[in-house]
Amino acid sequence: MSIERTTELHRKTKETDITLYLNLDGRGSITGDYPIGFMTHMLTTFARHGLFDLDINARGDLEVDQHHLVEDTGIVLGQCFCRALGDKRGIRRVGSCLYPMDETLARAAVDISGRAFLVFNGDLSGVPLLAEAAISPLAGNSPEGHFTGAFQTDTVEDFWHGFTGACGCALHLDILRGRSDHHKIEALFKAAARALRQACEIDPRGAGAIPSTKGILGESSVPGVVA
């Protein structure tokens, strides 16, 4: 009998308010209300390539900047992965992907080890993506409170720092070549999604065992959950 690997978390601080539902064994759909257009594009890409179902509703202090909301989104997504995986029994644990996107080549490798570590070589220019000045497609019918300016590309590393710390995984993200910051960021999200999809899959040869000689895969970052 298959086990449903889903979870929903709500995280509210003085800076952000995020509710996220995750189904690890979904079909790649995303719904909800997210106020940053470019990050909606990345989350949609992440869901589709990982075949994860996401429902996300988020608000943040965008009058300050995008850092708090983007980083906290990574934290909540990582917490959801950690909770949905439980004790990680039977998973493949490790995954990798080499993803070409036009002139860009991205590489992602992940170990869901319970130990958080991020290596991020995004080769980004630091120049905001001015072309992304659009309302998020998850913003509903009203643009009120939704960010319509340039995307701050430096927050991408913050997102993945938040994710790895909360998920408890070692994640290496590298751009091997590329020109467009848009392509670099998108290729990294696609590569990470496919690497995580592989790592989270149930290994039919694993006989339901925890994939570690220690018999345990680290401590969970989610209170009340033992990994």
N, C-alpha and C. Protein backbone atom coordinates (compact mmCIF):
# COMPACT_ATOMS: atom_id res chain seq x y z
N MET A 1 0.85 -1.20 0.00
CA MET A 1 0.00 0.00 0.00
C MET A 1 0.88 1.24 0.00
N SER A 2 0.62 2.16 -0.91
CA SER A 2 1.43 3.37 -1.02
C SER A 2 1.09 4.35 0.10
N ILE A 3 2.08 5.12 0.51
CA ILE A 3 1.90 6.13 1.55
C ILE A 3 1.81 7.49 0.90
N GLU A 4 0.84 8.28 1.31
CA GLU A 4 0.66 9.61 0.76
C GLU A 4 1.72 10.54 1.33
N ARG A 5 2.53 11.11 0.46
CA ARG A 5 3.62 11.98 0.91
C ARG A 5 3.25 13.44 0.63
N THR A 6 2.39 13.96 1.47
CA THR A 6 1.91 15.33 1.34
C THR A 6 2.04 16.04 2.68
N THR A 7 2.08 17.35 2.63
CA THR A 7 2.08 18.14 3.86
C THR A 7 1.65 19.56 3.55
N GLU A 8 1.22 20.27 4.59
CA GLU A 8 0.88 21.69 4.46
C GLU A 8 1.41 22.42 5.69
N LEU A 9 2.06 23.55 5.46
CA LEU A 9 2.62 24.35 6.54
C LEU A 9 2.23 25.81 6.40
N HIS A 10 2.08 26.46 7.55
CA HIS A 10 1.83 27.90 7.59
C HIS A 10 2.91 28.55 8.44
N ARG A 11 3.60 29.53 7.89
CA ARG A 11 4.66 30.24 8.61
C ARG A 11 4.38 31.74 8.53
N LYS A 12 4.24 32.37 9.68
CA LYS A 12 3.95 33.80 9.72
C LYS A 12 4.96 34.49 10.62
N THR A 13 5.59 35.53 10.09
CA THR A 13 6.50 36.37 10.87
C THR A 13 6.05 37.82 10.71
N LYS A 14 6.81 38.74 11.27
CA LYS A 14 6.50 40.16 11.11
C LYS A 14 6.80 40.64 9.69
N GLU A 15 7.49 39.80 8.92
CA GLU A 15 7.89 40.17 7.56
C GLU A 15 7.13 39.44 6.47
N THR A 16 6.74 38.19 6.73
CA THR A 16 6.08 37.39 5.70
C THR A 16 4.97 36.52 6.29
N ASP A 17 4.07 36.09 5.43
CA ASP A 17 2.98 35.18 5.80
C ASP A 17 2.81 34.20 4.64
N ILE A 18 3.19 32.95 4.86
CA ILE A 18 3.23 31.96 3.78
C ILE A 18 2.51 30.69 4.20
N THR A 19 1.61 30.21 3.35
CA THR A 19 0.99 28.90 3.51
C THR A 19 1.32 28.08 2.27
N LEU A 20 1.84 26.88 2.47
CA LEU A 20 2.28 26.05 1.35
C LEU A 20 1.83 24.61 1.54
N TYR A 21 1.23 24.06 0.49
CA TYR A 21 0.88 22.63 0.42
C TYR A 21 1.80 21.98 -0.60
N LEU A 22 2.31 20.79 -0.27
CA LEU A 22 3.21 20.05 -1.16
C LEU A 22 2.77 18.61 -1.26
N ASN A 23 2.73 18.11 -2.49
CA ASN A 23 2.55 16.68 -2.76
C ASN A 23 3.78 16.23 -3.54
N LEU A 24 4.61 15.38 -2.93
CA LEU A 24 5.83 14.93 -3.58
C LEU A 24 5.55 14.06 -4.80
N ASP A 25 4.42 13.41 -4.82
CA ASP A 25 4.09 12.47 -5.90
C ASP A 25 2.95 13.00 -6.76
N GLY A 26 3.08 14.28 -7.13
CA GLY A 26 2.01 14.93 -7.88
C GLY A 26 2.19 14.83 -9.39
N ARG A 27 1.60 15.80 -10.07
CA ARG A 27 1.64 15.82 -11.53
C ARG A 27 2.25 17.11 -12.07
N GLY A 28 2.79 17.93 -11.16
CA GLY A 28 3.47 19.14 -11.59
C GLY A 28 2.59 20.37 -11.68
N SER A 29 1.53 20.42 -10.87
CA SER A 29 0.62 21.56 -10.92
C SER A 29 0.94 22.56 -9.80
N ILE A 30 0.57 23.82 -10.02
CA ILE A 30 0.75 24.85 -9.01
C ILE A 30 -0.46 25.76 -9.02
N THR A 31 -0.94 26.08 -7.83
CA THR A 31 -2.06 27.00 -7.67
C THR A 31 -1.74 27.93 -6.51
N GLY A 32 -2.59 28.94 -6.32
CA GLY A 32 -2.43 29.82 -5.18
C GLY A 32 -2.32 31.28 -5.57
N ASP A 33 -1.62 32.04 -4.74
CA ASP A 33 -1.51 33.50 -4.89
C ASP A 33 -0.13 33.91 -4.41
N TYR A 34 0.76 34.21 -5.37
CA TYR A 34 2.13 34.62 -5.04
C TYR A 34 2.42 35.96 -5.72
N PRO A 35 2.98 36.92 -4.99
CA PRO A 35 3.01 38.28 -5.49
C PRO A 35 4.18 38.68 -6.37
N ILE A 36 5.19 37.84 -6.58
CA ILE A 36 6.34 38.21 -7.40
C ILE A 36 6.31 37.40 -8.69
N GLY A 37 6.16 38.09 -9.81
CA GLY A 37 5.96 37.42 -11.08
C GLY A 37 7.07 36.47 -11.46
N PHE A 38 8.33 36.89 -11.34
CA PHE A 38 9.43 36.02 -11.76
C PHE A 38 9.54 34.79 -10.87
N MET A 39 9.33 34.95 -9.56
CA MET A 39 9.38 33.79 -8.67
C MET A 39 8.21 32.85 -8.92
N THR A 40 7.07 33.37 -9.31
CA THR A 40 5.96 32.50 -9.71
C THR A 40 6.39 31.65 -10.90
N HIS A 41 7.07 32.26 -11.86
CA HIS A 41 7.59 31.55 -13.02
C HIS A 41 8.54 30.43 -12.58
N MET A 42 9.42 30.74 -11.61
CA MET A 42 10.39 29.74 -11.14
C MET A 42 9.70 28.61 -10.36
N LEU A 43 8.75 28.95 -9.51
CA LEU A 43 8.03 27.94 -8.74
C LEU A 43 7.20 27.04 -9.66
N THR A 44 6.62 27.64 -10.70
CA THR A 44 5.86 26.87 -11.69
C THR A 44 6.79 25.89 -12.41
N THR A 45 7.97 26.38 -12.79
CA THR A 45 8.97 25.55 -13.43
C THR A 45 9.42 24.42 -12.51
N PHE A 46 9.66 24.76 -11.24
CA PHE A 46 10.09 23.78 -10.25
C PHE A 46 9.04 22.67 -10.09
N ALA A 47 7.79 23.05 -9.97
CA ALA A 47 6.71 22.08 -9.81
C ALA A 47 6.62 21.16 -11.03
N ARG A 48 6.68 21.75 -12.21
CA ARG A 48 6.49 20.97 -13.44
C ARG A 48 7.62 19.97 -13.66
N HIS A 49 8.85 20.40 -13.46
CA HIS A 49 9.98 19.52 -13.74
C HIS A 49 10.21 18.50 -12.62
N GLY A 50 9.78 18.81 -11.41
CA GLY A 50 9.89 17.85 -10.33
C GLY A 50 8.67 16.96 -10.19
N LEU A 51 7.60 17.29 -10.93
CA LEU A 51 6.30 16.62 -10.78
C LEU A 51 5.82 16.69 -9.33
N PHE A 52 6.04 17.86 -8.73
CA PHE A 52 5.52 18.15 -7.40
C PHE A 52 4.27 19.03 -7.55
N ASP A 53 3.23 18.76 -6.77
CA ASP A 53 2.07 19.64 -6.74
C ASP A 53 2.26 20.66 -5.62
N LEU A 54 2.05 21.94 -5.95
CA LEU A 54 2.20 23.01 -4.98
C LEU A 54 0.94 23.87 -4.96
N ASP A 55 0.56 24.28 -3.76
CA ASP A 55 -0.43 25.34 -3.61
C ASP A 55 0.17 26.33 -2.62
N ILE A 56 0.42 27.55 -3.07
CA ILE A 56 1.12 28.52 -2.24
C ILE A 56 0.35 29.83 -2.20
N ASN A 57 0.22 30.36 -0.99
CA ASN A 57 -0.37 31.68 -0.77
C ASN A 57 0.59 32.46 0.11
N ALA A 58 1.03 33.61 -0.38
CA ALA A 58 2.11 34.32 0.31
C ALA A 58 1.92 35.82 0.25
N ARG A 59 2.37 36.47 1.32
CA ARG A 59 2.46 37.93 1.40
C ARG A 59 3.76 38.28 2.09
N GLY A 60 4.32 39.44 1.75
CA GLY A 60 5.55 39.87 2.39
C GLY A 60 5.72 41.37 2.33
N ASP A 61 6.75 41.84 3.02
CA ASP A 61 7.01 43.29 3.09
C ASP A 61 7.77 43.75 1.85
N LEU A 62 7.10 43.70 0.70
CA LEU A 62 7.74 44.06 -0.56
C LEU A 62 8.04 45.55 -0.65
N GLU A 63 7.47 46.33 0.27
CA GLU A 63 7.83 47.75 0.31
C GLU A 63 9.26 47.92 0.82
N VAL A 64 9.81 46.90 1.47
CA VAL A 64 11.21 46.91 1.90
C VAL A 64 12.09 46.43 0.75
N ASP A 65 11.95 45.16 0.40
CA ASP A 65 12.52 44.56 -0.82
C ASP A 65 12.00 43.12 -0.91
N GLN A 66 12.55 42.35 -1.83
CA GLN A 66 12.04 41.00 -2.07
C GLN A 66 12.74 39.93 -1.23
N HIS A 67 13.82 40.30 -0.56
CA HIS A 67 14.65 39.32 0.13
C HIS A 67 13.87 38.47 1.13
N HIS A 68 13.10 39.11 2.02
CA HIS A 68 12.41 38.38 3.08
C HIS A 68 11.45 37.33 2.51
N LEU A 69 10.65 37.73 1.53
CA LEU A 69 9.65 36.81 1.00
C LEU A 69 10.29 35.67 0.22
N VAL A 70 11.28 35.97 -0.61
CA VAL A 70 11.91 34.92 -1.41
C VAL A 70 12.64 33.93 -0.51
N GLU A 71 13.42 34.43 0.46
CA GLU A 71 14.13 33.53 1.37
C GLU A 71 13.16 32.69 2.20
N ASP A 72 12.11 33.32 2.72
CA ASP A 72 11.16 32.59 3.55
C ASP A 72 10.38 31.57 2.74
N THR A 73 10.16 31.84 1.46
CA THR A 73 9.53 30.84 0.59
C THR A 73 10.40 29.60 0.48
N GLY A 74 11.71 29.81 0.34
CA GLY A 74 12.63 28.67 0.32
C GLY A 74 12.60 27.89 1.62
N ILE A 75 12.52 28.60 2.75
CA ILE A 75 12.46 27.95 4.05
C ILE A 75 11.22 27.08 4.17
N VAL A 76 10.06 27.63 3.83
CA VAL A 76 8.81 26.88 3.96
C VAL A 76 8.78 25.70 3.00
N LEU A 77 9.27 25.89 1.78
CA LEU A 77 9.32 24.77 0.83
C LEU A 77 10.23 23.67 1.36
N GLY A 78 11.38 24.04 1.91
CA GLY A 78 12.28 23.05 2.49
C GLY A 78 11.66 22.32 3.66
N GLN A 79 10.94 23.04 4.52
CA GLN A 79 10.25 22.41 5.65
C GLN A 79 9.21 21.42 5.16
N CYS A 80 8.51 21.77 4.09
CA CYS A 80 7.50 20.85 3.55
C CYS A 80 8.15 19.58 3.00
N PHE A 81 9.28 19.71 2.31
CA PHE A 81 9.98 18.52 1.83
C PHE A 81 10.39 17.64 3.00
N CYS A 82 10.96 18.26 4.05
CA CYS A 82 11.41 17.51 5.21
C CYS A 82 10.26 16.75 5.86
N ARG A 83 9.15 17.40 6.04
CA ARG A 83 8.00 16.77 6.69
C ARG A 83 7.39 15.67 5.81
N ALA A 84 7.25 15.96 4.50
CA ALA A 84 6.63 14.98 3.60
C ALA A 84 7.49 13.72 3.46
N LEU A 85 8.81 13.87 3.59
CA LEU A 85 9.72 12.72 3.47
C LEU A 85 9.76 11.87 4.74
N GLY A 86 9.36 12.45 5.88
CA GLY A 86 9.36 11.69 7.13
C GLY A 86 10.74 11.18 7.49
N ASP A 87 10.86 9.88 7.77
CA ASP A 87 12.17 9.32 8.13
C ASP A 87 13.00 8.95 6.89
N LYS A 88 12.48 9.28 5.71
CA LYS A 88 13.18 9.09 4.43
C LYS A 88 13.36 7.61 4.07
N ARG A 89 12.57 6.79 4.68
CA ARG A 89 12.67 5.35 4.45
C ARG A 89 12.34 5.02 2.99
N GLY A 90 13.23 4.27 2.33
CA GLY A 90 12.97 3.77 0.99
C GLY A 90 13.29 4.72 -0.15
N ILE A 91 13.70 5.96 0.14
CA ILE A 91 13.97 6.90 -0.95
C ILE A 91 15.35 6.63 -1.56
N ARG A 92 15.56 7.17 -2.75
CA ARG A 92 16.87 7.03 -3.39
C ARG A 92 17.93 7.88 -2.68
N ARG A 93 17.50 8.97 -2.09
CA ARG A 93 18.34 9.87 -1.28
C ARG A 93 19.17 10.85 -2.11
N VAL A 94 19.80 10.39 -3.19
CA VAL A 94 20.71 11.22 -3.99
C VAL A 94 20.14 11.38 -5.39
N GLY A 95 20.30 12.58 -5.95
CA GLY A 95 19.87 12.82 -7.31
C GLY A 95 20.72 13.89 -7.96
N SER A 96 20.76 13.87 -9.29
CA SER A 96 21.54 14.89 -10.01
C SER A 96 20.92 15.13 -11.37
N CYS A 97 21.26 16.29 -11.94
CA CYS A 97 20.73 16.62 -13.27
C CYS A 97 21.68 17.62 -13.95
N LEU A 98 21.95 17.38 -15.20
CA LEU A 98 22.68 18.31 -16.05
C LEU A 98 21.65 18.86 -17.03
N TYR A 99 21.33 20.17 -16.91
CA TYR A 99 20.20 20.71 -17.67
C TYR A 99 20.67 21.78 -18.66
N PRO A 100 20.47 21.54 -19.97
CA PRO A 100 20.79 22.55 -20.98
C PRO A 100 19.58 23.43 -21.27
N MET A 101 19.80 24.73 -21.32
CA MET A 101 18.73 25.66 -21.71
C MET A 101 19.33 26.69 -22.66
N ASP A 102 19.18 26.43 -23.95
CA ASP A 102 19.79 27.26 -24.98
C ASP A 102 21.29 27.38 -24.74
N GLU A 103 21.79 28.59 -24.52
CA GLU A 103 23.24 28.78 -24.34
C GLU A 103 23.73 28.41 -22.95
N THR A 104 22.80 28.12 -22.04
CA THR A 104 23.12 27.89 -20.64
C THR A 104 23.16 26.40 -20.32
N LEU A 105 24.12 26.02 -19.49
CA LEU A 105 24.19 24.65 -19.00
C LEU A 105 24.30 24.69 -17.48
N ALA A 106 23.30 24.08 -16.81
CA ALA A 106 23.24 24.09 -15.34
C ALA A 106 23.40 22.68 -14.81
N ARG A 107 23.97 22.59 -13.61
CA ARG A 107 24.15 21.30 -12.95
C ARG A 107 23.63 21.38 -11.52
N ALA A 108 22.88 20.36 -11.12
CA ALA A 108 22.41 20.26 -9.75
C ALA A 108 22.68 18.85 -9.23
N ALA A 109 23.13 18.78 -7.99
CA ALA A 109 23.33 17.49 -7.32
C ALA A 109 22.88 17.64 -5.88
N VAL A 110 22.09 16.67 -5.40
CA VAL A 110 21.51 16.78 -4.06
C VAL A 110 21.66 15.46 -3.30
N ASP A 111 21.90 15.58 -2.01
CA ASP A 111 21.90 14.45 -1.09
C ASP A 111 20.99 14.80 0.08
N ILE A 112 19.88 14.09 0.20
CA ILE A 112 18.94 14.35 1.31
C ILE A 112 19.46 13.59 2.53
N SER A 113 20.48 14.15 3.12
CA SER A 113 21.27 13.48 4.14
C SER A 113 20.87 13.86 5.56
N GLY A 114 20.07 14.92 5.71
CA GLY A 114 19.80 15.46 7.03
C GLY A 114 20.80 16.51 7.43
N ARG A 115 21.84 16.71 6.62
CA ARG A 115 22.87 17.71 6.88
C ARG A 115 22.76 18.81 5.83
N ALA A 116 22.55 20.02 6.27
CA ALA A 116 22.31 21.14 5.35
C ALA A 116 23.62 21.75 4.87
N PHE A 117 23.75 21.87 3.55
CA PHE A 117 24.92 22.52 2.97
C PHE A 117 24.57 22.97 1.56
N LEU A 118 24.90 24.21 1.24
CA LEU A 118 24.64 24.73 -0.11
C LEU A 118 25.94 25.21 -0.74
N VAL A 119 26.19 24.77 -1.96
CA VAL A 119 27.21 25.37 -2.82
C VAL A 119 26.46 26.00 -3.98
N PHE A 120 26.60 27.32 -4.14
CA PHE A 120 25.86 28.04 -5.17
C PHE A 120 26.83 28.83 -6.04
N ASN A 121 26.97 28.38 -7.28
CA ASN A 121 27.78 29.09 -8.27
C ASN A 121 26.87 29.46 -9.44
N GLY A 122 26.08 30.52 -9.21
CA GLY A 122 25.09 30.89 -10.20
C GLY A 122 25.60 31.78 -11.31
N ASP A 123 26.78 32.35 -11.13
CA ASP A 123 27.39 33.20 -12.16
C ASP A 123 26.43 34.30 -12.62
N LEU A 124 25.72 34.92 -11.65
CA LEU A 124 24.73 35.95 -11.98
C LEU A 124 25.38 37.34 -11.97
N SER A 125 24.88 38.21 -12.80
CA SER A 125 25.45 39.55 -12.94
C SER A 125 25.11 40.47 -11.77
N GLY A 126 24.01 40.18 -11.06
CA GLY A 126 23.53 41.06 -10.00
C GLY A 126 22.63 42.17 -10.50
N VAL A 127 22.44 42.27 -11.80
CA VAL A 127 21.58 43.29 -12.39
C VAL A 127 20.13 42.80 -12.33
N PRO A 128 19.20 43.61 -11.79
CA PRO A 128 17.80 43.19 -11.73
C PRO A 128 17.23 42.88 -13.11
N LEU A 129 16.30 41.94 -13.15
CA LEU A 129 15.65 41.57 -14.41
C LEU A 129 14.50 42.52 -14.68
N LEU A 130 14.79 43.59 -15.36
CA LEU A 130 13.79 44.64 -15.60
C LEU A 130 12.65 44.16 -16.48
N ALA A 131 12.91 43.17 -17.33
CA ALA A 131 11.87 42.69 -18.25
C ALA A 131 10.77 41.94 -17.53
N GLU A 132 10.98 41.62 -16.25
CA GLU A 132 10.00 40.83 -15.51
C GLU A 132 9.01 41.71 -14.75
N ALA A 133 8.77 42.94 -15.22
CA ALA A 133 7.86 43.85 -14.54
C ALA A 133 6.42 43.51 -14.89
N ALA A 134 5.92 42.44 -14.32
CA ALA A 134 4.56 41.98 -14.63
C ALA A 134 3.90 41.42 -13.38
N ILE A 135 2.58 41.49 -13.35
CA ILE A 135 1.83 40.92 -12.24
C ILE A 135 1.99 39.41 -12.23
N SER A 136 2.15 38.84 -11.05
CA SER A 136 2.25 37.39 -10.93
C SER A 136 1.00 36.73 -11.49
N PRO A 137 1.14 35.67 -12.29
CA PRO A 137 -0.04 34.95 -12.80
C PRO A 137 -0.83 34.26 -11.70
N LEU A 138 -0.26 34.15 -10.49
CA LEU A 138 -1.01 33.59 -9.36
C LEU A 138 -1.64 34.69 -8.50
N ALA A 139 -1.63 35.93 -8.99
CA ALA A 139 -2.06 37.06 -8.17
C ALA A 139 -3.57 37.28 -8.18
N GLY A 140 -4.30 36.49 -8.92
CA GLY A 140 -5.74 36.69 -8.96
C GLY A 140 -6.11 37.89 -9.82
N ASN A 141 -7.26 38.47 -9.57
CA ASN A 141 -7.76 39.56 -10.41
C ASN A 141 -7.32 40.94 -9.95
N SER A 142 -6.85 41.05 -8.71
CA SER A 142 -6.48 42.35 -8.18
C SER A 142 -4.97 42.48 -8.05
N PRO A 143 -4.37 43.57 -8.60
CA PRO A 143 -2.94 43.76 -8.48
C PRO A 143 -2.52 44.37 -7.15
N GLU A 144 -3.48 44.70 -6.28
CA GLU A 144 -3.15 45.37 -5.03
C GLU A 144 -2.22 44.50 -4.19
N GLY A 145 -1.10 45.11 -3.76
CA GLY A 145 -0.16 44.41 -2.90
C GLY A 145 0.74 43.44 -3.64
N HIS A 146 0.71 43.43 -4.96
CA HIS A 146 1.52 42.53 -5.74
C HIS A 146 2.64 43.29 -6.43
N PHE A 147 3.85 42.74 -6.37
CA PHE A 147 5.03 43.44 -6.85
C PHE A 147 5.07 43.46 -8.36
N THR A 148 5.29 44.64 -8.93
CA THR A 148 5.28 44.79 -10.39
C THR A 148 6.60 45.34 -10.92
N GLY A 149 7.65 45.38 -10.09
CA GLY A 149 8.93 45.91 -10.54
C GLY A 149 9.91 44.83 -10.94
N ALA A 150 11.18 45.21 -11.00
CA ALA A 150 12.23 44.30 -11.43
C ALA A 150 12.49 43.22 -10.37
N PHE A 151 12.95 42.07 -10.84
CA PHE A 151 13.27 40.99 -9.92
C PHE A 151 14.71 41.11 -9.45
N GLN A 152 14.93 41.00 -8.13
CA GLN A 152 16.25 41.08 -7.54
C GLN A 152 16.93 39.71 -7.61
N THR A 153 17.84 39.55 -8.56
CA THR A 153 18.42 38.24 -8.82
C THR A 153 19.28 37.72 -7.67
N ASP A 154 19.78 38.62 -6.81
CA ASP A 154 20.61 38.16 -5.69
C ASP A 154 19.80 37.36 -4.68
N THR A 155 18.47 37.44 -4.72
CA THR A 155 17.64 36.69 -3.78
C THR A 155 17.55 35.20 -4.14
N VAL A 156 17.99 34.82 -5.33
CA VAL A 156 17.93 33.41 -5.73
C VAL A 156 18.80 32.56 -4.81
N GLU A 157 19.99 33.03 -4.51
CA GLU A 157 20.86 32.29 -3.59
C GLU A 157 20.23 32.23 -2.20
N ASP A 158 19.56 33.32 -1.78
CA ASP A 158 18.88 33.32 -0.48
C ASP A 158 17.79 32.26 -0.44
N PHE A 159 17.06 32.11 -1.54
CA PHE A 159 16.01 31.09 -1.63
C PHE A 159 16.59 29.69 -1.37
N TRP A 160 17.69 29.37 -2.05
CA TRP A 160 18.26 28.04 -1.93
C TRP A 160 18.96 27.83 -0.59
N HIS A 161 19.50 28.90 0.00
CA HIS A 161 20.01 28.79 1.37
C HIS A 161 18.88 28.42 2.33
N GLY A 162 17.75 29.11 2.19
CA GLY A 162 16.61 28.81 3.04
C GLY A 162 16.11 27.40 2.85
N PHE A 163 16.08 26.96 1.59
CA PHE A 163 15.58 25.61 1.27
C PHE A 163 16.48 24.53 1.89
N THR A 164 17.78 24.62 1.65
CA THR A 164 18.67 23.57 2.13
C THR A 164 18.70 23.49 3.64
N GLY A 165 18.67 24.65 4.31
CA GLY A 165 18.69 24.65 5.76
C GLY A 165 17.46 24.00 6.35
N ALA A 166 16.29 24.26 5.75
CA ALA A 166 15.04 23.71 6.27
C ALA A 166 14.81 22.26 5.85
N CYS A 167 15.26 21.91 4.65
CA CYS A 167 15.08 20.53 4.16
C CYS A 167 16.07 19.59 4.82
N GLY A 168 17.27 20.08 5.12
CA GLY A 168 18.31 19.22 5.63
C GLY A 168 18.94 18.42 4.51
N CYS A 169 19.41 19.11 3.48
CA CYS A 169 20.04 18.43 2.35
C CYS A 169 21.31 19.17 1.95
N ALA A 170 22.20 18.45 1.31
CA ALA A 170 23.37 19.06 0.67
C ALA A 170 23.02 19.27 -0.79
N LEU A 171 23.13 20.52 -1.25
CA LEU A 171 22.73 20.86 -2.61
C LEU A 171 23.84 21.66 -3.28
N HIS A 172 24.28 21.18 -4.43
CA HIS A 172 25.29 21.88 -5.22
C HIS A 172 24.63 22.38 -6.51
N LEU A 173 24.69 23.67 -6.73
CA LEU A 173 24.10 24.29 -7.92
C LEU A 173 25.18 25.07 -8.66
N ASP A 174 25.38 24.72 -9.91
CA ASP A 174 26.45 25.34 -10.69
C ASP A 174 25.97 25.70 -12.09
N ILE A 175 26.36 26.89 -12.54
CA ILE A 175 26.22 27.25 -13.95
C ILE A 175 27.57 26.99 -14.61
N LEU A 176 27.58 26.07 -15.57
CA LEU A 176 28.81 25.71 -16.25
C LEU A 176 29.12 26.66 -17.38
N ARG A 177 28.07 27.20 -18.01
CA ARG A 177 28.23 28.24 -19.03
C ARG A 177 26.88 28.91 -19.21
N GLY A 178 26.89 30.11 -19.79
CA GLY A 178 25.63 30.81 -20.03
C GLY A 178 25.83 32.30 -20.20
N ARG A 179 24.81 32.97 -20.71
CA ARG A 179 24.84 34.41 -20.93
C ARG A 179 23.70 35.11 -20.19
N SER A 180 22.48 34.64 -20.38
CA SER A 180 21.29 35.29 -19.85
C SER A 180 21.06 34.91 -18.39
N ASP A 181 20.91 35.91 -17.51
CA ASP A 181 20.59 35.63 -16.11
C ASP A 181 19.26 34.90 -15.98
N HIS A 182 18.30 35.26 -16.81
CA HIS A 182 17.00 34.58 -16.80
C HIS A 182 17.20 33.08 -17.07
N HIS A 183 17.96 32.76 -18.10
CA HIS A 183 18.20 31.37 -18.44
C HIS A 183 18.97 30.65 -17.34
N LYS A 184 19.96 31.33 -16.76
CA LYS A 184 20.76 30.71 -15.70
C LYS A 184 19.89 30.34 -14.50
N ILE A 185 19.07 31.27 -14.05
CA ILE A 185 18.21 31.02 -12.88
C ILE A 185 17.20 29.92 -13.20
N GLU A 186 16.58 30.02 -14.37
CA GLU A 186 15.56 29.03 -14.73
C GLU A 186 16.17 27.64 -14.89
N ALA A 187 17.34 27.56 -15.51
CA ALA A 187 17.98 26.27 -15.69
C ALA A 187 18.36 25.66 -14.33
N LEU A 188 18.76 26.49 -13.37
CA LEU A 188 19.09 25.99 -12.04
C LEU A 188 17.84 25.44 -11.34
N PHE A 189 16.71 26.13 -11.46
CA PHE A 189 15.47 25.65 -10.85
C PHE A 189 15.03 24.33 -11.50
N LYS A 190 15.18 24.23 -12.81
CA LYS A 190 14.80 22.99 -13.50
C LYS A 190 15.72 21.84 -13.10
N ALA A 191 17.02 22.11 -13.05
CA ALA A 191 17.97 21.07 -12.67
C ALA A 191 17.75 20.63 -11.23
N ALA A 192 17.53 21.60 -10.33
CA ALA A 192 17.28 21.26 -8.93
C ALA A 192 16.01 20.44 -8.76
N ALA A 193 14.97 20.81 -9.50
CA ALA A 193 13.70 20.08 -9.41
C ALA A 193 13.87 18.63 -9.84
N ARG A 194 14.59 18.41 -10.94
CA ARG A 194 14.76 17.05 -11.44
C ARG A 194 15.70 16.23 -10.54
N ALA A 195 16.70 16.88 -9.96
CA ALA A 195 17.57 16.19 -9.02
C ALA A 195 16.80 15.80 -7.77
N LEU A 196 15.97 16.71 -7.26
CA LEU A 196 15.17 16.42 -6.07
C LEU A 196 14.11 15.35 -6.36
N ARG A 197 13.52 15.42 -7.53
CA ARG A 197 12.55 14.37 -7.91
C ARG A 197 13.20 13.00 -7.86
N GLN A 198 14.41 12.89 -8.40
CA GLN A 198 15.13 11.62 -8.39
C GLN A 198 15.47 11.18 -6.97
N ALA A 199 15.93 12.13 -6.15
CA ALA A 199 16.33 11.80 -4.78
C ALA A 199 15.15 11.39 -3.92
N CYS A 200 13.98 11.98 -4.17
CA CYS A 200 12.80 11.70 -3.36
C CYS A 200 12.05 10.45 -3.80
N GLU A 201 12.35 9.93 -4.97
CA GLU A 201 11.65 8.75 -5.47
C GLU A 201 11.89 7.54 -4.58
N ILE A 202 10.88 6.71 -4.50
CA ILE A 202 11.01 5.44 -3.78
C ILE A 202 11.81 4.47 -4.64
N ASP A 203 12.84 3.90 -4.05
CA ASP A 203 13.70 2.95 -4.75
C ASP A 203 13.10 1.54 -4.58
N PRO A 204 12.64 0.92 -5.67
CA PRO A 204 12.01 -0.40 -5.54
C PRO A 204 12.98 -1.46 -5.02
N ARG A 205 14.27 -1.24 -5.13
CA ARG A 205 15.26 -2.20 -4.62
C ARG A 205 15.68 -1.88 -3.19
N GLY A 206 15.16 -0.76 -2.66
CA GLY A 206 15.57 -0.33 -1.33
C GLY A 206 14.92 -1.06 -0.19
N ALA A 207 13.91 -1.86 -0.51
CA ALA A 207 13.22 -2.71 0.48
C ALA A 207 12.72 -1.91 1.69
N GLY A 208 12.37 -0.64 1.44
CA GLY A 208 11.82 0.17 2.53
C GLY A 208 12.80 0.54 3.61
N ALA A 209 14.09 0.38 3.34
CA ALA A 209 15.11 0.68 4.34
C ALA A 209 15.51 2.15 4.28
N ILE A 210 16.04 2.67 5.38
CA ILE A 210 16.60 4.01 5.38
C ILE A 210 17.95 3.95 4.67
N PRO A 211 18.17 4.76 3.63
CA PRO A 211 19.38 4.63 2.81
C PRO A 211 20.61 5.25 3.47
N SER A 212 21.04 4.66 4.57
CA SER A 212 22.22 5.12 5.28
C SER A 212 22.77 3.98 6.12
N THR A 213 24.09 3.87 6.19
CA THR A 213 24.69 2.85 7.03
C THR A 213 24.50 3.16 8.51
N LYS A 214 24.14 4.42 8.82
CA LYS A 214 23.88 4.82 10.20
C LYS A 214 22.51 4.37 10.69
N GLY A 215 21.61 4.12 9.74
CA GLY A 215 20.25 3.74 10.10
C GLY A 215 19.36 4.93 10.38
N ILE A 216 19.89 6.15 10.19
CA ILE A 216 19.12 7.38 10.39
C ILE A 216 19.73 8.45 9.51
N LEU A 217 18.88 9.35 9.03
CA LEU A 217 19.36 10.43 8.16
C LEU A 217 19.15 11.78 8.83
N GLY A 218 19.94 12.08 9.84
CA GLY A 218 19.99 13.42 10.41
C GLY A 218 18.78 13.80 11.21
N GLU A 219 18.78 15.05 11.65
CA GLU A 219 17.70 15.61 12.44
C GLU A 219 16.85 16.52 11.58
N SER A 220 15.54 16.47 11.77
CA SER A 220 14.62 17.31 11.04
C SER A 220 14.70 18.76 11.49
N SER A 221 14.47 19.67 10.55
CA SER A 221 14.40 21.09 10.89
C SER A 221 12.98 21.52 11.23
N VAL A 222 12.03 20.59 11.15
CA VAL A 222 10.65 20.88 11.46
C VAL A 222 10.33 20.38 12.87
N PRO A 223 9.90 21.26 13.78
CA PRO A 223 9.62 20.81 15.15
C PRO A 223 8.64 19.65 15.19
N GLY A 224 8.98 18.64 16.00
CA GLY A 224 8.08 17.51 16.17
C GLY A 224 8.23 16.43 15.13
N VAL A 225 9.15 16.63 14.18
CA VAL A 225 9.36 15.63 13.13
C VAL A 225 10.75 15.06 13.26
N VAL A 226 10.88 13.76 13.39
CA VAL A 226 12.18 13.11 13.46
C VAL A 226 12.51 12.55 12.10
N ALA A 227 13.70 12.88 11.60
CA ALA A 227 14.14 12.38 10.28
C ALA A 227 15.11 11.24 10.46
